[in-house]
Amino acid sequence: CGLPSMKGFVLARHLLGISNRIEKALSVPPVSDDDRVWMKTCLVVLTGSAREFILNELGIRDANTFISERTKVWSDRLVTWRESQMMPALKGSGKVAMVSGWKTSLKESLDCEIGEGKVLSEGELACSPPVEPAPEGPAFRMKGPPKREGTKID
């Protein structure tokens, strides 16, 4: 379908984000205008505290804005926000690691959204090349269950 090679979980996370957008759009009561803005971007892959911090606390509605800022800036703000939310403090480099993880998720989702490709029709999927058969040879043959010495089978 023209998508660049990527890890399966990256694509899965992105597709789950799209699923969340659809579910939110169909939810009752309808989403607010503010929700519609962030749902159009790859920020939809954010969950839990990441979503609350980035969308509500920082007011960011564009992934590039979050990604382009230095991690230290966001990690310092994260500490203050967690304190105000009565959340436990992050130890060691936890605050930096958390923000870095969020940035990575957003970069991967952004790559999925801006990548070239097309949606394949059902007919195109049915005409896809056959899957290659499993390799043959002694290393690939199925072996029976392990034999246990000294056991008696009636």
Protein backbone atom coordinates (compact mmCIF):
# COMPACT_ATOMS: atom_id res chain seq x y z
CA CYS A 1 0.00 0.00 0.00
CA GLY A 2 3.03 2.28 -0.22
CA LEU A 3 3.68 2.79 3.49
CA PRO A 4 7.31 2.91 4.55
CA SER A 5 8.67 -0.02 6.51
CA MET A 6 7.88 0.42 10.21
CA LYS A 7 7.54 -1.60 13.36
CA GLY A 8 4.22 -3.34 13.82
CA PHE A 9 3.48 -1.79 17.21
CA VAL A 10 4.02 1.72 15.80
CA LEU A 11 1.39 1.14 13.13
CA ALA A 12 -0.89 -0.61 15.63
CA ARG A 13 -0.70 2.35 18.02
CA HIS A 14 -1.50 4.72 15.18
CA LEU A 15 -4.46 2.63 14.01
CA LEU A 16 -5.76 2.43 17.59
CA GLY A 17 -5.56 6.21 17.69
CA ILE A 18 -7.68 6.41 14.56
CA SER A 19 -10.11 3.97 16.15
CA ASN A 20 -10.28 6.24 19.21
CA ARG A 21 -11.08 9.19 16.94
CA ILE A 22 -13.96 7.31 15.34
CA GLU A 23 -15.27 6.11 18.70
CA LYS A 24 -15.09 9.63 20.11
CA ALA A 25 -16.85 11.04 17.05
CA LEU A 26 -19.69 8.56 17.49
CA SER A 27 -19.96 9.05 21.25
CA VAL A 28 -22.91 10.67 22.96
CA PRO A 29 -22.88 13.48 23.97
CA PRO A 30 -21.02 14.85 20.96
CA VAL A 31 -17.45 15.97 21.39
CA SER A 32 -16.75 19.66 21.90
CA ASP A 33 -15.10 21.90 19.32
CA ASP A 34 -11.94 21.80 21.44
CA ASP A 35 -11.84 17.99 21.27
CA ARG A 36 -12.28 18.08 17.50
CA VAL A 37 -9.09 20.11 17.13
CA TRP A 38 -6.80 17.63 18.84
CA MET A 39 -8.56 14.62 17.38
CA LYS A 40 -7.45 15.69 13.89
CA THR A 41 -3.79 15.28 14.83
CA CYS A 42 -1.55 12.45 15.94
CA LEU A 43 -1.99 13.66 19.54
CA VAL A 44 -4.84 11.16 19.66
CA VAL A 45 -2.33 8.39 20.46
CA LEU A 46 -1.75 9.96 23.88
CA THR A 47 -3.42 8.35 26.85
CA GLY A 48 -3.89 9.04 30.54
CA SER A 49 -1.60 11.56 32.15
CA ALA A 50 0.15 12.33 28.84
CA ARG A 51 -3.14 13.50 27.36
CA GLU A 52 -4.07 15.50 30.45
CA PHE A 53 -0.67 17.16 30.69
CA ILE A 54 -0.12 18.00 27.01
CA LEU A 55 -3.67 18.89 26.03
CA ASN A 56 -5.10 20.37 29.21
CA GLU A 57 -2.12 21.72 31.14
CA LEU A 58 0.04 22.91 28.24
CA GLY A 59 -2.85 23.59 25.85
CA ILE A 60 -0.90 22.10 22.95
CA ARG A 61 -2.94 20.97 19.94
CA ASP A 62 -0.09 20.31 17.51
CA ALA A 63 2.39 17.45 17.92
CA ASN A 64 5.22 19.42 16.31
CA THR A 65 4.94 22.06 19.01
CA PHE A 66 5.49 19.46 21.71
CA ILE A 67 8.19 17.57 19.80
CA SER A 68 10.22 20.67 18.89
CA GLU A 69 10.56 22.00 22.45
CA ARG A 70 13.44 20.80 24.59
CA THR A 71 12.61 17.78 26.75
CA LYS A 72 13.98 19.55 29.84
CA VAL A 73 11.45 22.36 29.49
CA TRP A 74 8.53 19.90 29.42
CA SER A 75 9.99 17.69 32.16
CA ASP A 76 10.30 20.67 34.53
CA ARG A 77 6.69 21.63 33.81
CA LEU A 78 5.68 18.00 34.31
CA VAL A 79 7.10 17.99 37.85
CA THR A 80 5.09 21.09 38.78
CA TRP A 81 1.94 19.70 37.20
CA ARG A 82 2.27 16.33 38.95
CA GLU A 83 2.63 18.11 42.28
CA SER A 84 -0.52 20.15 41.62
CA GLN A 85 -2.37 16.93 40.76
CA MET A 86 -1.19 15.26 43.99
CA MET A 87 0.62 12.59 41.97
CA PRO A 88 3.74 10.91 43.35
CA ALA A 89 7.06 12.46 42.41
CA LEU A 90 9.08 10.75 39.70
CA LYS A 91 12.44 9.48 40.87
CA GLY A 92 15.77 9.90 39.12
CA SER A 93 15.45 10.54 35.41
CA GLY A 94 11.80 9.46 35.38
CA LYS A 95 10.48 12.86 34.34
CA VAL A 96 12.84 13.07 31.36
CA ALA A 97 12.18 9.45 30.39
CA MET A 98 8.42 10.01 30.52
CA VAL A 99 8.54 13.11 28.30
CA SER A 100 10.99 11.39 25.92
CA GLY A 101 8.63 8.43 25.62
CA TRP A 102 5.73 10.73 24.79
CA LYS A 103 7.83 12.51 22.18
CA THR A 104 8.81 9.20 20.60
CA SER A 105 5.18 8.07 20.42
CA LEU A 106 4.19 11.32 18.77
CA LYS A 107 7.09 11.20 16.29
CA GLU A 108 6.17 7.65 15.27
CA SER A 109 2.50 8.54 14.89
CA LEU A 110 3.40 11.66 12.93
CA ASP A 111 5.52 9.51 10.59
CA CYS A 112 2.47 7.29 10.01
CA GLU A 113 0.26 10.27 9.23
CA ILE A 114 2.59 12.09 6.87
CA GLY A 115 3.91 8.96 5.16
CA GLU A 116 2.84 8.31 1.62
CA GLY A 117 0.50 5.43 1.02
CA LYS A 118 -3.03 4.60 0.10
CA VAL A 119 -5.90 2.66 1.54
CA LEU A 120 -6.20 -0.68 -0.20
CA SER A 121 -9.59 -1.87 -1.37
CA GLU A 122 -10.87 -5.31 -0.45
CA GLY A 123 -10.16 -6.47 -4.00
CA GLU A 124 -6.55 -5.28 -3.82
CA LEU A 125 -6.08 -7.08 -0.51
CA ALA A 126 -7.50 -10.30 -2.00
CA CYS A 127 -5.02 -10.06 -4.88
CA SER A 128 -2.01 -9.65 -2.65
CA PRO A 129 0.92 -12.00 -3.29
CA PRO A 130 0.72 -15.39 -1.59
CA VAL A 131 2.58 -15.94 1.64
CA GLU A 132 5.74 -17.95 1.17
CA PRO A 133 5.60 -21.47 2.60
CA ALA A 134 7.55 -22.25 5.74
CA PRO A 135 11.14 -23.36 5.13
CA GLU A 136 11.83 -27.08 4.96
CA GLY A 137 14.64 -29.01 6.54
CA PRO A 138 15.52 -30.71 9.81
CA ALA A 139 15.85 -27.43 11.73
CA PHE A 140 12.28 -26.43 10.84
CA ARG A 141 10.43 -29.74 11.28
CA MET A 142 7.93 -30.02 14.08
CA LYS A 143 9.07 -32.30 16.80
CA GLY A 144 6.77 -34.31 19.00
CA PRO A 145 6.42 -33.70 22.71
CA PRO A 146 9.56 -34.36 24.74
CA LYS A 147 9.92 -37.91 25.96
CA ARG A 148 10.19 -38.35 29.67
CA GLU A 149 12.26 -41.17 30.96
CA GLY A 150 10.81 -43.30 33.72
CA THR A 151 7.17 -42.35 33.16
CA LYS A 152 4.55 -44.94 32.57
CA ILE A 153 1.62 -44.31 30.26
CA ASP A 154 -1.40 -46.61 30.62
